[in-house]
Protein backbone atom coordinates (compact mmCIF):
# COMPACT_ATOMS: atom_id res chain seq x y z
CA MET A 1 185.56 173.06 -216.41
CA ASP A 2 186.36 171.39 -219.73
CA ALA A 3 189.80 170.35 -218.42
CA LEU A 4 188.17 168.66 -215.42
CA ARG A 5 185.61 167.00 -217.65
CA ASN A 6 188.32 165.71 -219.99
CA GLU A 7 190.39 164.37 -217.09
CA LEU A 8 187.41 162.64 -215.47
CA ALA A 9 186.37 161.17 -218.83
CA ASN A 10 189.39 158.86 -218.56
CA TYR A 11 187.64 157.16 -215.65
CA ILE A 12 184.22 156.64 -217.24
CA PRO A 13 184.54 152.82 -217.24
CA TRP A 14 185.32 152.90 -213.49
CA PHE A 15 182.47 155.29 -212.73
CA LEU A 16 180.12 153.12 -214.79
CA ALA A 17 181.25 149.93 -213.03
CA PHE A 18 180.70 151.43 -209.58
CA HIS A 19 177.38 152.92 -210.68
CA ILE A 20 176.16 149.49 -211.82
CA ILE A 21 177.38 147.89 -208.56
CA ALA A 22 175.56 150.57 -206.55
CA VAL A 23 172.36 150.08 -208.59
CA ILE A 24 172.48 146.33 -207.99
CA ALA A 25 173.00 146.80 -204.24
CA TRP A 26 170.26 149.43 -204.00
CA MET A 27 167.79 147.32 -205.97
CA ALA A 28 168.57 144.24 -203.86
CA GLY A 29 167.60 146.26 -200.81
CA MET A 30 164.57 147.83 -202.48
CA LEU A 31 163.28 144.35 -203.32
CA TYR A 32 164.17 142.74 -199.98
CA LEU A 33 163.16 145.41 -197.40
CA PRO A 34 159.43 145.36 -198.17
CA ARG A 35 159.57 141.55 -198.05
CA LEU A 36 161.05 141.84 -194.54
CA PHE A 37 158.19 144.20 -193.71
CA VAL A 38 155.70 141.55 -194.87
CA TYR A 39 157.16 139.07 -192.38
CA HIS A 40 157.57 141.73 -189.69
CA THR A 41 153.84 142.54 -189.79
CA GLU A 42 153.20 138.93 -188.77
CA THR A 43 155.14 139.27 -185.49
CA THR A 44 154.05 140.58 -182.12
CA PRO A 45 155.51 144.04 -181.38
CA GLY A 46 158.22 143.77 -178.74
CA SER A 47 158.73 140.03 -179.29
CA ALA A 48 162.19 138.56 -179.87
CA GLU A 49 161.20 137.86 -183.47
CA SER A 50 160.10 141.47 -183.99
CA GLU A 51 163.37 142.73 -182.52
CA ARG A 52 165.32 140.45 -184.88
CA PHE A 53 163.45 141.93 -187.88
CA LYS A 54 164.23 145.42 -186.59
CA ARG A 55 167.96 144.63 -186.58
CA MET A 56 167.82 143.05 -190.05
CA GLU A 57 165.88 145.98 -191.50
CA THR A 58 168.22 148.52 -189.90
CA LYS A 59 171.36 146.87 -191.22
CA LEU A 60 169.89 146.48 -194.70
CA LEU A 61 168.81 150.12 -194.80
CA LYS A 62 171.85 151.76 -193.21
CA VAL A 63 174.67 149.51 -194.42
CA ILE A 64 173.49 148.67 -197.94
CA MET A 65 170.54 150.70 -199.21
CA ASN A 66 171.39 154.24 -198.09
CA PRO A 67 175.06 154.16 -199.18
CA ALA A 68 174.10 152.50 -202.48
CA MET A 69 171.42 155.09 -203.21
CA ILE A 70 173.88 157.91 -202.48
CA ALA A 71 176.44 156.33 -204.82
CA VAL A 72 173.78 156.00 -207.55
CA TRP A 73 172.87 159.67 -207.15
CA VAL A 74 176.51 160.79 -207.28
CA LEU A 75 177.73 158.56 -210.09
CA GLY A 76 174.63 158.69 -212.32
CA PRO A 77 174.59 162.46 -212.86
CA LEU A 78 178.39 162.44 -213.13
CA LEU A 79 178.19 159.88 -215.95
CA ALA A 80 175.38 161.83 -217.63
CA TRP A 81 177.53 164.95 -217.57
CA LEU A 82 180.72 163.23 -218.72
CA THR A 83 179.07 161.38 -221.58
CA GLY A 84 176.68 164.12 -222.66
CA ALA A 85 173.75 161.75 -222.13
CA TYR A 86 171.98 164.46 -220.10
CA LEU A 87 170.81 165.77 -223.49
CA ASP A 88 169.00 162.53 -224.39
CA PRO A 89 165.22 162.29 -223.87
CA TRP A 90 165.49 158.66 -222.70
CA LEU A 91 167.69 159.83 -219.82
CA HIS A 92 165.12 162.45 -218.82
CA ILE A 93 162.51 159.70 -218.52
CA LYS A 94 164.97 157.50 -216.62
CA PHE A 95 165.69 160.40 -214.27
CA VAL A 96 161.99 160.74 -213.46
CA LEU A 97 161.76 156.99 -212.76
CA VAL A 98 164.82 157.17 -210.47
CA ILE A 99 163.14 160.04 -208.62
CA VAL A 100 160.06 157.82 -208.15
CA LEU A 101 162.32 154.98 -206.97
CA SER A 102 163.96 157.39 -204.51
CA GLY A 103 160.51 158.36 -203.28
CA MET A 104 159.80 154.67 -202.68
CA HIS A 105 163.05 154.52 -200.72
CA GLY A 106 161.79 157.41 -198.60
CA MET A 107 158.49 155.61 -198.04
CA PHE A 108 160.41 152.51 -196.93
CA VAL A 109 162.41 154.65 -194.48
CA ARG A 110 159.15 155.95 -193.03
CA SER A 111 157.83 152.39 -192.72
CA TRP A 112 161.13 151.32 -191.12
CA ARG A 113 160.72 154.08 -188.52
CA ASP A 114 157.18 152.91 -187.80
CA PHE A 115 158.40 149.35 -187.26
CA GLN A 116 161.28 150.57 -185.09
CA ASN A 117 158.76 152.33 -182.85
CA ASP A 118 156.23 149.47 -182.93
CA ARG A 119 153.75 151.73 -184.73
CA ASN A 120 153.27 150.01 -188.07
CA THR A 121 149.66 150.29 -189.26
CA ARG A 122 150.11 148.79 -192.72
CA SER A 123 149.20 145.23 -193.62
CA ALA A 124 151.33 142.46 -195.04
CA ARG A 125 149.19 142.70 -198.19
CA PHE A 126 150.14 146.37 -198.58
CA PHE A 127 153.85 145.51 -198.43
CA ARG A 128 153.39 142.59 -200.84
CA ILE A 129 151.86 144.95 -203.40
CA VAL A 130 154.38 147.75 -202.79
CA ASN A 131 157.18 145.18 -203.19
CA GLU A 132 156.35 144.97 -206.92
CA VAL A 133 156.80 148.68 -207.66
CA PRO A 134 160.62 148.78 -207.46
CA ALA A 135 160.77 145.70 -209.72
CA LEU A 136 158.58 147.41 -212.33
CA LEU A 137 160.65 150.60 -212.13
CA MET A 138 163.83 148.54 -212.50
CA VAL A 139 162.52 146.88 -215.66
CA LEU A 140 161.58 150.22 -217.20
CA ILE A 141 164.91 151.81 -216.27
CA VAL A 142 166.95 148.91 -217.68
CA ILE A 143 164.97 149.06 -220.93
CA LEU A 144 165.56 152.81 -221.21
CA VAL A 145 169.30 152.46 -220.58
CA THR A 146 169.74 149.46 -222.88
CA VAL A 147 167.49 150.39 -225.81
CA GLN A 148 167.83 154.17 -225.46
CA PRO A 149 164.63 155.01 -227.31
CA PHE A 150 163.76 158.62 -228.05
CA GLY A 151 167.32 159.45 -229.14
CA ARG A 152 168.56 162.97 -229.69
């Protein structure tokens, strides 16, 4: 296992670069999808406009958000293992925040399904408020990664 770890350690800069790219793509979707939901709530179910939002939401979720989240979840733990950061308390807190962010992703998937089936019951106001949560989580995560408080 140490031989594998040592070999993979040579690629840490590449893993980090792709992890950051995946985080940016995932966050772009996490900030944009609920905004689409805000506008979608203002359309009539079954209308051409509603169908257009359905296509936009589907492409955003399936082409950008889901693959990006998977990449984040593969590369993040890999980097933590390769660098030994999994021992740091700041990373434990970050991990919890990423779990919350993933839960938000799951909630957005549920809302997407509701819109796809013309069964949304949530208001535009709800999605406006929920739209702020990923931004707050992003700020906290970036601070934890950059400042790395609560060191070993």
